[in-house]
Amino acid sequence: MTPGTPYEAARVDGHLSEKRVSVRADGNRLWHLQHGDVEVGELREGGQVVATELRIPLSERTDLVREVVSEAALLATQAGARLVDPQLGRSLSANDDGVVVDQYLRTVRYAGEVAGVPEAMGSSYGQDPAGGARGFQPGTKFLFIALGVFIFLYLLVDSMTTSLGGR
């Protein structure tokens, strides 16, 4: 809890063992919550464990994010540790779920639009939370662009053959 003191991963792991946590074949742990699963890992710097990391899958399901903030804040309090969101750059409490959700949704949209992360693609291409589409789907956009390029090339070639006396 005090900055500058060594992180006690064993204390956090002890409290996590009381939760619904399973170990996958690859050694990573999954924390099973009501609204989904969260991957639990270790954050290392210079070979030392400096934090327990919680990774939430990218989607627009904010109920899981809110539950993780609440449960992780409770776990941190029990373990005498701080809950920190590195994207926000600050410590969190259970009441900070709103700001975490806002930042999470920005990350999901960025991941879908810029990085092309498949899990986040639906939220980046104009699907509203109700499931309807607000605009053209990516495949439809590509089709219109390709059609436009072909029409442009046809008109360009036709114009060139006409000006060269080909007709």
N, C-alpha and C. Protein backbone atom coordinates (compact mmCIF):
# COMPACT_ATOMS: atom_id res chain seq x y z
N MET A 1 0.82 -1.20 0.00
CA MET A 1 0.00 0.00 0.00
C MET A 1 0.87 1.27 0.00
N THR A 2 2.02 1.21 0.65
CA THR A 2 2.90 2.38 0.73
C THR A 2 3.85 2.38 -0.46
N PRO A 3 3.88 3.48 -1.21
CA PRO A 3 4.80 3.54 -2.36
C PRO A 3 6.25 3.35 -1.89
N GLY A 4 7.01 2.60 -2.69
CA GLY A 4 8.41 2.36 -2.37
C GLY A 4 8.66 1.06 -1.61
N THR A 5 7.62 0.46 -1.07
CA THR A 5 7.79 -0.81 -0.36
C THR A 5 7.64 -1.95 -1.36
N PRO A 6 8.31 -3.07 -1.12
CA PRO A 6 8.20 -4.20 -2.06
C PRO A 6 6.78 -4.73 -2.13
N TYR A 7 6.42 -5.19 -3.33
CA TYR A 7 5.09 -5.75 -3.56
C TYR A 7 5.05 -7.17 -3.02
N GLU A 8 4.02 -7.49 -2.27
CA GLU A 8 3.87 -8.83 -1.70
C GLU A 8 2.83 -9.61 -2.51
N ALA A 9 3.32 -10.25 -3.58
CA ALA A 9 2.43 -11.00 -4.47
C ALA A 9 1.79 -12.18 -3.75
N ALA A 10 2.49 -12.77 -2.79
CA ALA A 10 1.94 -13.92 -2.07
C ALA A 10 0.68 -13.56 -1.31
N ARG A 11 0.66 -12.36 -0.75
CA ARG A 11 -0.53 -11.93 0.00
C ARG A 11 -1.73 -11.80 -0.93
N VAL A 12 -1.51 -11.17 -2.11
CA VAL A 12 -2.60 -11.02 -3.08
C VAL A 12 -3.02 -12.38 -3.60
N ASP A 13 -2.04 -13.24 -3.91
CA ASP A 13 -2.35 -14.58 -4.40
C ASP A 13 -3.14 -15.39 -3.37
N GLY A 14 -2.84 -15.20 -2.08
CA GLY A 14 -3.58 -15.88 -1.03
C GLY A 14 -5.04 -15.50 -1.02
N HIS A 15 -5.30 -14.21 -1.19
CA HIS A 15 -6.70 -13.76 -1.24
C HIS A 15 -7.38 -14.19 -2.54
N LEU A 16 -6.61 -14.23 -3.64
CA LEU A 16 -7.17 -14.69 -4.92
C LEU A 16 -7.54 -16.17 -4.85
N SER A 17 -6.77 -16.94 -4.09
CA SER A 17 -7.06 -18.38 -4.00
C SER A 17 -8.41 -18.65 -3.34
N GLU A 18 -8.92 -17.68 -2.60
CA GLU A 18 -10.24 -17.81 -1.98
C GLU A 18 -11.36 -17.50 -2.97
N LYS A 19 -11.00 -16.96 -4.12
CA LYS A 19 -11.98 -16.61 -5.17
C LYS A 19 -12.07 -17.77 -6.15
N ARG A 20 -12.95 -17.61 -7.12
CA ARG A 20 -13.11 -18.63 -8.17
C ARG A 20 -12.04 -18.40 -9.24
N VAL A 21 -10.84 -18.93 -8.99
CA VAL A 21 -9.71 -18.77 -9.91
C VAL A 21 -9.26 -20.17 -10.35
N SER A 22 -9.06 -20.33 -11.65
CA SER A 22 -8.56 -21.60 -12.17
C SER A 22 -7.27 -21.34 -12.94
N VAL A 23 -6.47 -22.38 -13.10
CA VAL A 23 -5.21 -22.28 -13.83
C VAL A 23 -5.39 -22.97 -15.18
N ARG A 24 -5.05 -22.24 -16.25
CA ARG A 24 -5.14 -22.80 -17.59
C ARG A 24 -3.91 -23.65 -17.89
N ALA A 25 -3.95 -24.37 -18.99
CA ALA A 25 -2.84 -25.24 -19.39
C ALA A 25 -1.56 -24.44 -19.63
N ASP A 26 -1.69 -23.18 -20.08
CA ASP A 26 -0.51 -22.36 -20.35
C ASP A 26 0.07 -21.71 -19.08
N GLY A 27 -0.54 -21.98 -17.94
CA GLY A 27 -0.03 -21.44 -16.67
C GLY A 27 -0.70 -20.16 -16.23
N ASN A 28 -1.40 -19.49 -17.13
CA ASN A 28 -2.12 -18.27 -16.75
C ASN A 28 -3.35 -18.64 -15.93
N ARG A 29 -3.76 -17.71 -15.11
CA ARG A 29 -4.92 -17.94 -14.26
C ARG A 29 -6.11 -17.16 -14.80
N LEU A 30 -7.30 -17.71 -14.57
CA LEU A 30 -8.56 -17.06 -14.93
C LEU A 30 -9.37 -16.85 -13.67
N TRP A 31 -9.82 -15.63 -13.47
CA TRP A 31 -10.68 -15.29 -12.34
C TRP A 31 -12.09 -15.29 -12.90
N HIS A 32 -12.92 -16.20 -12.44
CA HIS A 32 -14.28 -16.35 -12.94
C HIS A 32 -15.21 -15.44 -12.13
N LEU A 33 -15.74 -14.43 -12.81
CA LEU A 33 -16.67 -13.49 -12.19
C LEU A 33 -18.06 -13.70 -12.79
N GLN A 34 -19.03 -13.03 -12.24
CA GLN A 34 -20.41 -13.20 -12.69
C GLN A 34 -20.59 -12.81 -14.15
N HIS A 35 -19.92 -11.74 -14.61
CA HIS A 35 -20.12 -11.24 -15.97
C HIS A 35 -19.05 -11.69 -16.96
N GLY A 36 -18.17 -12.57 -16.54
CA GLY A 36 -17.14 -13.06 -17.47
C GLY A 36 -15.86 -13.43 -16.74
N ASP A 37 -14.87 -13.81 -17.52
CA ASP A 37 -13.59 -14.22 -16.97
C ASP A 37 -12.54 -13.14 -17.19
N VAL A 38 -11.64 -13.02 -16.22
CA VAL A 38 -10.56 -12.05 -16.27
C VAL A 38 -9.25 -12.82 -16.14
N GLU A 39 -8.31 -12.51 -17.00
CA GLU A 39 -7.00 -13.16 -16.95
C GLU A 39 -6.16 -12.50 -15.86
N VAL A 40 -5.54 -13.32 -15.03
CA VAL A 40 -4.70 -12.84 -13.93
C VAL A 40 -3.26 -13.20 -14.25
N GLY A 41 -2.39 -12.21 -14.22
CA GLY A 41 -0.98 -12.44 -14.50
C GLY A 41 -0.09 -11.68 -13.53
N GLU A 42 1.19 -11.80 -13.75
CA GLU A 42 2.16 -11.08 -12.93
C GLU A 42 2.85 -10.05 -13.81
N LEU A 43 3.06 -8.87 -13.27
CA LEU A 43 3.79 -7.82 -13.96
C LEU A 43 5.19 -7.80 -13.36
N ARG A 44 6.19 -8.02 -14.20
CA ARG A 44 7.57 -8.10 -13.72
C ARG A 44 8.40 -6.95 -14.28
N GLU A 45 9.28 -6.45 -13.45
CA GLU A 45 10.26 -5.46 -13.86
C GLU A 45 11.59 -5.89 -13.27
N GLY A 46 12.59 -6.07 -14.13
CA GLY A 46 13.90 -6.50 -13.66
C GLY A 46 13.87 -7.84 -12.97
N GLY A 47 12.98 -8.72 -13.41
CA GLY A 47 12.88 -10.06 -12.82
C GLY A 47 12.07 -10.13 -11.53
N GLN A 48 11.67 -9.01 -11.00
CA GLN A 48 10.89 -8.96 -9.76
C GLN A 48 9.41 -8.76 -10.08
N VAL A 49 8.55 -9.46 -9.35
CA VAL A 49 7.11 -9.24 -9.49
C VAL A 49 6.79 -7.92 -8.79
N VAL A 50 6.22 -6.98 -9.56
CA VAL A 50 5.90 -5.66 -9.00
C VAL A 50 4.40 -5.42 -8.89
N ALA A 51 3.59 -6.32 -9.51
CA ALA A 51 2.14 -6.14 -9.43
C ALA A 51 1.44 -7.40 -9.94
N THR A 52 0.19 -7.53 -9.55
CA THR A 52 -0.69 -8.54 -10.12
C THR A 52 -1.51 -7.82 -11.18
N GLU A 53 -1.54 -8.38 -12.38
CA GLU A 53 -2.18 -7.73 -13.51
C GLU A 53 -3.50 -8.42 -13.82
N LEU A 54 -4.54 -7.63 -14.05
CA LEU A 54 -5.84 -8.15 -14.44
C LEU A 54 -6.11 -7.69 -15.88
N ARG A 55 -6.36 -8.64 -16.77
CA ARG A 55 -6.60 -8.32 -18.18
C ARG A 55 -8.04 -8.68 -18.54
N ILE A 56 -8.77 -7.68 -19.00
CA ILE A 56 -10.16 -7.83 -19.38
C ILE A 56 -10.23 -7.95 -20.89
N PRO A 57 -10.98 -8.92 -21.43
CA PRO A 57 -11.11 -9.03 -22.89
C PRO A 57 -11.75 -7.77 -23.47
N LEU A 58 -11.35 -7.42 -24.69
CA LEU A 58 -11.88 -6.22 -25.35
C LEU A 58 -13.25 -6.49 -25.95
N SER A 59 -14.24 -5.76 -25.47
CA SER A 59 -15.59 -5.78 -26.02
C SER A 59 -16.30 -4.56 -25.43
N GLU A 60 -17.52 -4.35 -25.82
CA GLU A 60 -18.25 -3.21 -25.25
C GLU A 60 -19.09 -3.62 -24.05
N ARG A 61 -18.79 -4.76 -23.45
CA ARG A 61 -19.53 -5.22 -22.27
C ARG A 61 -18.96 -4.52 -21.04
N THR A 62 -19.59 -3.48 -20.62
CA THR A 62 -19.08 -2.70 -19.49
C THR A 62 -19.44 -3.31 -18.15
N ASP A 63 -20.38 -4.25 -18.12
CA ASP A 63 -20.75 -4.86 -16.85
C ASP A 63 -19.57 -5.63 -16.25
N LEU A 64 -18.76 -6.27 -17.08
CA LEU A 64 -17.58 -6.97 -16.59
C LEU A 64 -16.55 -5.99 -16.03
N VAL A 65 -16.36 -4.87 -16.70
CA VAL A 65 -15.40 -3.87 -16.23
C VAL A 65 -15.81 -3.34 -14.86
N ARG A 66 -17.07 -3.01 -14.72
CA ARG A 66 -17.56 -2.51 -13.43
C ARG A 66 -17.38 -3.56 -12.32
N GLU A 67 -17.67 -4.82 -12.63
CA GLU A 67 -17.51 -5.88 -11.64
C GLU A 67 -16.03 -6.06 -11.27
N VAL A 68 -15.14 -5.98 -12.25
CA VAL A 68 -13.71 -6.14 -11.97
C VAL A 68 -13.22 -5.03 -11.06
N VAL A 69 -13.62 -3.79 -11.32
CA VAL A 69 -13.18 -2.68 -10.47
C VAL A 69 -13.66 -2.90 -9.05
N SER A 70 -14.90 -3.27 -8.88
CA SER A 70 -15.46 -3.49 -7.55
C SER A 70 -14.75 -4.63 -6.82
N GLU A 71 -14.62 -5.78 -7.49
CA GLU A 71 -13.99 -6.95 -6.88
C GLU A 71 -12.50 -6.74 -6.63
N ALA A 72 -11.82 -6.11 -7.57
CA ALA A 72 -10.38 -5.88 -7.42
C ALA A 72 -10.10 -4.87 -6.30
N ALA A 73 -10.97 -3.87 -6.15
CA ALA A 73 -10.80 -2.91 -5.05
C ALA A 73 -10.97 -3.61 -3.71
N LEU A 74 -11.93 -4.49 -3.61
CA LEU A 74 -12.14 -5.27 -2.39
C LEU A 74 -10.94 -6.17 -2.10
N LEU A 75 -10.44 -6.84 -3.13
CA LEU A 75 -9.27 -7.70 -2.99
C LEU A 75 -8.04 -6.90 -2.56
N ALA A 76 -7.84 -5.73 -3.16
CA ALA A 76 -6.69 -4.90 -2.80
C ALA A 76 -6.77 -4.45 -1.35
N THR A 77 -7.96 -4.08 -0.90
CA THR A 77 -8.15 -3.67 0.50
C THR A 77 -7.84 -4.84 1.44
N GLN A 78 -8.33 -6.02 1.10
CA GLN A 78 -8.08 -7.19 1.94
C GLN A 78 -6.59 -7.53 2.00
N ALA A 79 -5.88 -7.36 0.89
CA ALA A 79 -4.47 -7.72 0.82
C ALA A 79 -3.54 -6.59 1.26
N GLY A 80 -4.10 -5.43 1.56
CA GLY A 80 -3.27 -4.29 1.94
C GLY A 80 -2.46 -3.75 0.78
N ALA A 81 -3.03 -3.81 -0.41
CA ALA A 81 -2.36 -3.34 -1.62
C ALA A 81 -3.16 -2.20 -2.25
N ARG A 82 -2.57 -1.59 -3.27
CA ARG A 82 -3.27 -0.53 -4.00
C ARG A 82 -3.74 -1.07 -5.33
N LEU A 83 -4.93 -0.65 -5.76
CA LEU A 83 -5.45 -0.97 -7.09
C LEU A 83 -5.12 0.23 -7.97
N VAL A 84 -4.35 -0.03 -9.04
CA VAL A 84 -3.90 1.05 -9.92
C VAL A 84 -4.31 0.73 -11.35
N ASP A 85 -4.82 1.74 -12.04
CA ASP A 85 -5.09 1.62 -13.47
C ASP A 85 -3.96 2.35 -14.19
N PRO A 86 -3.09 1.62 -14.89
CA PRO A 86 -1.96 2.28 -15.54
C PRO A 86 -2.37 3.23 -16.66
N GLN A 87 -3.51 2.99 -17.31
CA GLN A 87 -3.96 3.91 -18.36
C GLN A 87 -4.41 5.24 -17.78
N LEU A 88 -5.02 5.19 -16.61
CA LEU A 88 -5.43 6.43 -15.96
C LEU A 88 -4.29 7.03 -15.15
N GLY A 89 -3.32 6.18 -14.78
CA GLY A 89 -2.16 6.66 -14.04
C GLY A 89 -2.48 7.04 -12.61
N ARG A 90 -3.41 6.31 -11.99
CA ARG A 90 -3.76 6.64 -10.61
C ARG A 90 -4.35 5.44 -9.89
N SER A 91 -4.40 5.56 -8.57
CA SER A 91 -5.02 4.53 -7.74
C SER A 91 -6.53 4.61 -7.88
N LEU A 92 -7.18 3.47 -7.68
CA LEU A 92 -8.64 3.39 -7.83
C LEU A 92 -9.29 2.89 -6.56
N SER A 93 -10.56 3.22 -6.45
CA SER A 93 -11.42 2.64 -5.41
C SER A 93 -12.61 2.02 -6.11
N ALA A 94 -13.46 1.37 -5.36
CA ALA A 94 -14.64 0.72 -5.95
C ALA A 94 -15.58 1.74 -6.60
N ASN A 95 -15.50 3.00 -6.19
CA ASN A 95 -16.38 4.04 -6.75
C ASN A 95 -15.88 4.61 -8.07
N ASP A 96 -14.71 4.18 -8.53
CA ASP A 96 -14.12 4.74 -9.75
C ASP A 96 -14.49 3.96 -11.00
N ASP A 97 -15.51 3.12 -10.92
CA ASP A 97 -15.85 2.29 -12.07
C ASP A 97 -16.26 3.11 -13.29
N GLY A 98 -16.86 4.26 -13.10
CA GLY A 98 -17.30 5.09 -14.23
C GLY A 98 -16.13 5.59 -15.07
N VAL A 99 -15.07 6.11 -14.43
CA VAL A 99 -13.92 6.61 -15.19
C VAL A 99 -13.16 5.46 -15.85
N VAL A 100 -13.13 4.31 -15.20
CA VAL A 100 -12.47 3.14 -15.78
C VAL A 100 -13.24 2.67 -17.01
N VAL A 101 -14.56 2.64 -16.92
CA VAL A 101 -15.39 2.23 -18.07
C VAL A 101 -15.19 3.19 -19.23
N ASP A 102 -15.16 4.50 -18.98
CA ASP A 102 -14.95 5.47 -20.05
C ASP A 102 -13.61 5.23 -20.75
N GLN A 103 -12.55 5.05 -19.98
CA GLN A 103 -11.23 4.80 -20.56
C GLN A 103 -11.20 3.47 -21.30
N TYR A 104 -11.84 2.47 -20.75
CA TYR A 104 -11.90 1.14 -21.37
C TYR A 104 -12.59 1.23 -22.73
N LEU A 105 -13.71 1.94 -22.82
CA LEU A 105 -14.42 2.07 -24.09
C LEU A 105 -13.58 2.81 -25.13
N ARG A 106 -12.81 3.82 -24.70
CA ARG A 106 -11.91 4.50 -25.63
C ARG A 106 -10.86 3.52 -26.15
N THR A 107 -10.34 2.68 -25.27
CA THR A 107 -9.34 1.69 -25.66
C THR A 107 -9.93 0.67 -26.63
N VAL A 108 -11.15 0.22 -26.37
CA VAL A 108 -11.82 -0.75 -27.25
C VAL A 108 -12.01 -0.15 -28.63
N ARG A 109 -12.47 1.08 -28.70
CA ARG A 109 -12.69 1.72 -30.01
C ARG A 109 -11.38 1.90 -30.76
N TYR A 110 -10.34 2.32 -30.05
CA TYR A 110 -9.03 2.49 -30.67
C TYR A 110 -8.51 1.14 -31.19
N ALA A 111 -8.64 0.10 -30.38
CA ALA A 111 -8.16 -1.22 -30.77
C ALA A 111 -8.89 -1.72 -32.02
N GLY A 112 -10.16 -1.42 -32.13
CA GLY A 112 -10.92 -1.86 -33.29
C GLY A 112 -10.62 -1.06 -34.54
N GLU A 113 -10.52 0.25 -34.40
CA GLU A 113 -10.35 1.11 -35.56
C GLU A 113 -8.91 1.16 -36.06
N VAL A 114 -7.97 1.30 -35.16
CA VAL A 114 -6.58 1.51 -35.57
C VAL A 114 -5.80 0.21 -35.61
N ALA A 115 -5.89 -0.56 -34.55
CA ALA A 115 -5.07 -1.76 -34.46
C ALA A 115 -5.73 -2.97 -35.12
N GLY A 116 -7.02 -2.90 -35.41
CA GLY A 116 -7.70 -4.00 -36.08
C GLY A 116 -7.88 -5.23 -35.22
N VAL A 117 -8.00 -5.05 -33.91
CA VAL A 117 -8.19 -6.18 -33.01
C VAL A 117 -9.57 -6.77 -33.27
N PRO A 118 -9.65 -8.06 -33.64
CA PRO A 118 -10.94 -8.66 -34.03
C PRO A 118 -12.02 -8.57 -32.95
N GLU A 119 -11.64 -8.73 -31.68
CA GLU A 119 -12.64 -8.70 -30.61
C GLU A 119 -13.31 -7.34 -30.49
N ALA A 120 -12.60 -6.29 -30.91
CA ALA A 120 -13.13 -4.94 -30.75
C ALA A 120 -13.69 -4.37 -32.05
N MET A 121 -13.66 -5.16 -33.13
CA MET A 121 -14.09 -4.64 -34.43
C MET A 121 -15.54 -4.18 -34.44
N GLY A 122 -16.43 -4.86 -33.76
CA GLY A 122 -17.84 -4.47 -33.76
C GLY A 122 -18.06 -3.10 -33.19
N SER A 123 -17.31 -2.74 -32.16
CA SER A 123 -17.50 -1.44 -31.53
C SER A 123 -16.83 -0.34 -32.31
N SER A 124 -15.90 -0.67 -33.19
CA SER A 124 -15.21 0.37 -33.92
C SER A 124 -15.87 0.72 -35.24
N TYR A 125 -16.70 -0.16 -35.76
CA TYR A 125 -17.30 0.08 -37.06
C TYR A 125 -18.77 0.43 -36.99
N GLY A 126 -19.15 1.18 -35.99
CA GLY A 126 -20.47 1.77 -35.98
C GLY A 126 -21.60 0.91 -35.50
N GLN A 127 -21.35 -0.16 -34.78
CA GLN A 127 -22.47 -0.91 -34.23
C GLN A 127 -22.85 -0.29 -32.90
N ASP A 128 -24.13 -0.02 -32.76
CA ASP A 128 -24.57 0.53 -31.49
C ASP A 128 -24.75 -0.60 -30.48
N PRO A 129 -24.82 -0.27 -29.17
CA PRO A 129 -24.94 -1.31 -28.16
C PRO A 129 -26.15 -2.20 -28.32
N ALA A 130 -27.19 -1.73 -29.01
CA ALA A 130 -28.39 -2.54 -29.20
C ALA A 130 -28.19 -3.59 -30.29
N GLY A 131 -27.05 -3.51 -31.01
CA GLY A 131 -26.75 -4.52 -32.01
C GLY A 131 -27.01 -4.08 -33.43
N GLY A 132 -27.66 -2.96 -33.66
CA GLY A 132 -27.91 -2.48 -35.00
C GLY A 132 -26.69 -1.76 -35.54
N ALA A 133 -26.65 -1.58 -36.85
CA ALA A 133 -25.51 -0.90 -37.45
C ALA A 133 -25.86 0.56 -37.71
N ARG A 134 -24.89 1.46 -37.50
CA ARG A 134 -25.11 2.88 -37.74
C ARG A 134 -24.64 3.29 -39.12
N GLY A 135 -23.82 2.47 -39.78
CA GLY A 135 -23.29 2.82 -41.09
C GLY A 135 -23.00 1.57 -41.89
N PHE A 136 -22.20 1.76 -42.96
CA PHE A 136 -21.85 0.61 -43.79
C PHE A 136 -20.92 -0.32 -43.04
N GLN A 137 -21.04 -1.60 -43.30
CA GLN A 137 -20.12 -2.60 -42.76
C GLN A 137 -18.79 -2.47 -43.50
N PRO A 138 -17.67 -2.92 -42.91
CA PRO A 138 -16.36 -2.79 -43.56
C PRO A 138 -16.32 -3.45 -44.93
N GLY A 139 -16.93 -4.61 -45.11
CA GLY A 139 -16.94 -5.27 -46.41
C GLY A 139 -17.68 -4.47 -47.47
N THR A 140 -18.77 -3.84 -47.07
CA THR A 140 -19.55 -3.01 -47.99
C THR A 140 -18.77 -1.78 -48.40
N LYS A 141 -18.07 -1.18 -47.46
CA LYS A 141 -17.23 -0.01 -47.77
C LYS A 141 -16.17 -0.39 -48.80
N PHE A 142 -15.52 -1.54 -48.58
CA PHE A 142 -14.49 -1.99 -49.51
C PHE A 142 -15.07 -2.21 -50.91
N LEU A 143 -16.25 -2.82 -50.97
CA LEU A 143 -16.90 -3.08 -52.25
C LEU A 143 -17.17 -1.78 -53.00
N PHE A 144 -17.70 -0.77 -52.32
CA PHE A 144 -17.98 0.52 -52.95
C PHE A 144 -16.70 1.20 -53.42
N ILE A 145 -15.66 1.11 -52.64
CA ILE A 145 -14.38 1.72 -53.03
C ILE A 145 -13.82 1.02 -54.25
N ALA A 146 -13.83 -0.32 -54.25
CA ALA A 146 -13.33 -1.08 -55.39
C ALA A 146 -14.14 -0.78 -56.65
N LEU A 147 -15.45 -0.71 -56.52
CA LEU A 147 -16.32 -0.39 -57.66
C LEU A 147 -16.00 1.00 -58.20
N GLY A 148 -15.80 1.95 -57.31
CA GLY A 148 -15.45 3.31 -57.73
C GLY A 148 -14.13 3.36 -58.46
N VAL A 149 -13.14 2.61 -58.01
CA VAL A 149 -11.83 2.57 -58.67
C VAL A 149 -11.97 1.97 -60.06
N PHE A 150 -12.72 0.88 -60.20
CA PHE A 150 -12.91 0.26 -61.51
C PHE A 150 -13.63 1.20 -62.47
N ILE A 151 -14.64 1.90 -62.03
CA ILE A 151 -15.36 2.86 -62.90
C ILE A 151 -14.42 3.97 -63.33
N PHE A 152 -13.62 4.48 -62.39
CA PHE A 152 -12.67 5.54 -62.71
C PHE A 152 -11.67 5.06 -63.76
N LEU A 153 -11.12 3.85 -63.57
CA LEU A 153 -10.16 3.32 -64.54
C LEU A 153 -10.79 3.11 -65.91
N TYR A 154 -12.03 2.62 -65.94
CA TYR A 154 -12.73 2.43 -67.22
C TYR A 154 -12.88 3.76 -67.94
N LEU A 155 -13.34 4.78 -67.22
CA LEU A 155 -13.52 6.09 -67.84
C LEU A 155 -12.19 6.69 -68.30
N LEU A 156 -11.13 6.47 -67.55
CA LEU A 156 -9.81 6.98 -67.92
C LEU A 156 -9.31 6.30 -69.19
N VAL A 157 -9.40 4.98 -69.26
CA VAL A 157 -8.96 4.25 -70.45
C VAL A 157 -9.82 4.62 -71.66
N ASP A 158 -11.13 4.73 -71.49
CA ASP A 158 -12.03 5.12 -72.57
C ASP A 158 -11.69 6.52 -73.09
N SER A 159 -11.40 7.42 -72.17
CA SER A 159 -11.04 8.78 -72.57
C SER A 159 -9.73 8.79 -73.34
N MET A 160 -8.78 7.99 -72.90
CA MET A 160 -7.48 7.96 -73.58
C MET A 160 -7.58 7.35 -74.98
N THR A 161 -8.38 6.31 -75.11
CA THR A 161 -8.52 5.68 -76.44
C THR A 161 -9.29 6.59 -77.38
N THR A 162 -10.24 7.35 -76.87
CA THR A 162 -11.00 8.29 -77.70
C THR A 162 -10.09 9.42 -78.17
N SER A 163 -9.24 9.95 -77.27
CA SER A 163 -8.37 11.07 -77.64
C SER A 163 -7.26 10.63 -78.58
N LEU A 164 -6.91 9.34 -78.59
CA LEU A 164 -5.89 8.84 -79.50
C LEU A 164 -6.48 8.40 -80.83
N GLY A 165 -7.78 8.55 -80.97
CA GLY A 165 -8.45 8.21 -82.22
C GLY A 165 -8.74 6.74 -82.37
N GLY A 166 -8.92 6.09 -81.27
CA GLY A 166 -9.16 4.65 -81.29
C GLY A 166 -10.58 4.29 -81.68
N ARG A 167 -11.47 5.22 -81.80
CA ARG A 167 -12.85 4.90 -82.15
C ARG A 167 -13.22 5.44 -83.49
